[in-house]
Protein backbone atom coordinates (compact mmCIF):
# COMPACT_ATOMS: atom_id res chain seq x y z
CA MET A 1 11.02 15.33 36.56
CA ALA A 2 8.64 14.49 33.73
CA ASN A 3 6.15 11.70 33.99
CA SER A 4 6.44 9.40 30.95
CA GLU A 5 3.04 7.83 31.56
CA SER A 6 -0.12 9.12 29.91
CA PRO A 7 -3.44 9.47 31.72
CA SER A 8 -4.34 5.99 30.38
CA GLY A 9 -1.38 4.49 32.24
CA LEU A 10 0.53 3.61 29.07
CA GLN A 11 4.11 4.68 28.50
CA ALA A 12 5.48 6.32 25.35
CA LYS A 13 7.09 3.01 24.33
CA ASP A 14 3.65 1.36 24.43
CA PHE A 15 2.25 3.90 21.98
CA THR A 16 5.29 3.48 19.71
CA ASP A 17 4.84 -0.28 19.74
CA GLN A 18 1.16 0.11 18.88
CA ARG A 19 1.98 2.40 15.94
CA ASN A 20 4.67 0.00 14.73
CA ASP A 21 2.28 -2.95 14.88
CA ALA A 22 -0.46 -1.01 13.10
CA LEU A 23 1.84 0.04 10.26
CA ARG A 24 3.31 -3.46 9.93
CA GLU A 25 -0.16 -5.00 9.69
CA GLY A 26 -1.25 -2.25 7.30
CA VAL A 27 1.61 -3.01 4.93
CA LYS A 28 0.75 -6.72 5.07
CA GLY A 29 -2.82 -5.80 4.15
CA LEU A 30 -1.64 -3.68 1.23
CA PHE A 31 0.45 -6.60 -0.05
CA LEU A 32 -2.53 -8.95 0.22
CA MET A 33 -4.96 -6.53 -1.42
CA ASN A 34 -2.78 -5.52 -4.35
CA GLY A 35 -0.95 -8.82 -4.79
CA GLY A 36 -4.11 -10.88 -4.46
CA GLY A 37 -5.91 -8.58 -6.85
CA ALA A 38 -3.12 -8.86 -9.42
CA VAL A 39 -3.13 -12.67 -9.18
CA ALA A 40 -6.92 -12.73 -9.56
CA MET A 41 -6.69 -10.48 -12.61
CA LEU A 42 -4.08 -12.82 -14.13
CA ALA A 43 -6.56 -15.68 -13.75
CA VAL A 44 -9.29 -13.56 -15.39
CA LEU A 45 -6.91 -12.59 -18.18
CA GLN A 46 -6.14 -16.22 -18.92
CA ALA A 47 -9.85 -17.00 -19.19
CA ILE A 48 -10.76 -14.07 -21.50
CA TRP A 49 -7.58 -13.57 -23.53
CA LYS A 50 -8.92 -14.92 -26.83
CA ASP A 51 -12.66 -14.54 -26.38
CA ASN A 52 -12.86 -10.92 -25.21
CA PRO A 53 -9.81 -8.87 -26.25
CA GLN A 54 -11.55 -5.58 -25.41
CA LEU A 55 -11.96 -6.61 -21.75
CA ALA A 56 -8.42 -8.02 -21.76
CA LYS A 57 -7.08 -4.47 -22.24
CA TYR A 58 -8.79 -3.36 -19.04
CA VAL A 59 -7.54 -6.42 -17.17
CA ILE A 60 -3.96 -5.73 -18.24
CA ALA A 61 -4.26 -2.10 -17.12
CA SER A 62 -5.69 -3.28 -13.80
CA ILE A 63 -2.79 -5.70 -13.33
CA ALA A 64 -0.30 -2.90 -14.00
CA VAL A 65 -1.91 -0.61 -11.41
CA LEU A 66 -2.13 -3.39 -8.81
CA ALA A 67 1.53 -4.30 -9.44
CA ALA A 68 2.44 -0.65 -8.83
CA GLY A 69 0.50 -0.92 -5.56
CA VAL A 70 2.59 -3.95 -4.55
CA PHE A 71 5.76 -1.99 -5.32
CA LEU A 72 4.58 0.97 -3.25
CA ALA A 73 3.70 -1.33 -0.34
CA GLY A 74 7.20 -2.79 -0.60
CA ILE A 75 9.00 0.54 -0.34
CA VAL A 76 7.03 1.65 2.73
CA GLN A 77 9.36 -0.28 5.04
CA PHE A 78 12.46 0.97 3.18
CA PHE A 79 11.46 4.60 3.76
CA ARG A 80 10.37 3.83 7.31
CA TYR A 81 13.75 2.24 8.08
CA ASN A 82 15.55 5.33 6.79
CA ALA A 83 13.19 7.60 8.73
CA SER A 84 14.02 5.75 11.93
CA PHE A 85 17.77 6.08 11.42
CA SER A 86 17.44 9.74 10.47
CA PHE A 87 15.46 10.45 13.63
CA GLN A 88 17.91 8.50 15.77
CA GLY A 89 20.80 10.43 14.18
CA GLY A 90 19.18 13.79 14.86
CA LYS A 91 18.61 14.50 11.17
CA HIS A 92 15.16 15.97 11.60
CA PHE A 93 14.72 17.24 8.04
CA ALA A 94 15.65 13.85 6.57
CA PHE A 95 13.31 12.21 9.08
CA ARG A 96 10.41 14.40 7.94
CA VAL A 97 11.16 13.65 4.28
CA TYR A 98 11.34 9.88 4.82
CA ARG A 99 8.25 9.93 7.02
CA PHE A 100 6.35 11.78 4.31
CA LEU A 101 7.61 9.26 1.73
CA TYR A 102 6.57 6.18 3.69
CA LEU A 103 3.15 7.58 4.46
CA ALA A 104 2.70 8.69 0.84
CA ALA A 105 3.74 5.24 -0.42
CA ALA A 106 1.23 3.56 1.91
CA TYR A 107 -1.64 5.84 0.89
CA CYS A 108 -0.73 5.59 -2.80
CA SER A 109 -0.66 1.79 -2.52
CA LEU A 110 -4.17 1.89 -1.10
CA ALA A 111 -5.23 4.24 -3.89
CA ALA A 112 -3.67 1.89 -6.45
CA PHE A 113 -5.92 -0.91 -5.23
CA LEU A 114 -8.98 1.30 -5.61
CA VAL A 115 -7.95 2.46 -9.08
CA GLY A 116 -7.11 -1.09 -10.18
CA VAL A 117 -10.53 -2.33 -9.10
CA LEU A 118 -12.27 0.63 -10.73
CA ILE A 119 -10.45 -0.03 -14.00
CA MET A 120 -11.60 -3.64 -13.96
CA VAL A 121 -15.19 -2.76 -13.06
CA SER A 122 -15.38 -0.04 -15.71
CA GLY A 123 -13.91 -2.45 -18.27
CA ALA A 124 -16.51 -5.05 -17.40
CA TRP A 125 -19.24 -2.41 -17.63
CA CYS A 126 -18.02 -1.19 -21.02
CA SER A 127 -17.82 -4.72 -22.39
CA LEU A 128 -21.50 -5.30 -21.59
CA HIS A 129 -22.67 -2.87 -24.27
């Protein structure tokens, strides 16, 4: 008979719940980062549209990248849902594919935030000269 408790006294379900909570909160953070960044860039765009068209190009590119980050954050749960059903149905290959996809979407969403911010900062830097 196998013991389902770990040395820390937690059961496997406890670890699963912790992972679920961490991913759920992570996706919320990705939405806030990318969505908030895109909204902030829209406000910047409105302020500089006529006065600084060179910087406006960078702001528009930043908005596009941040919007892609929001999309990627949105599909994390879609892939995760399919991964769960594939695992439950014994479809281990499909589970691995969907798991890879939801992790890749989460990491790419995080990368999109970084790239979007770097585009904006580099645009601001270039417009100084």
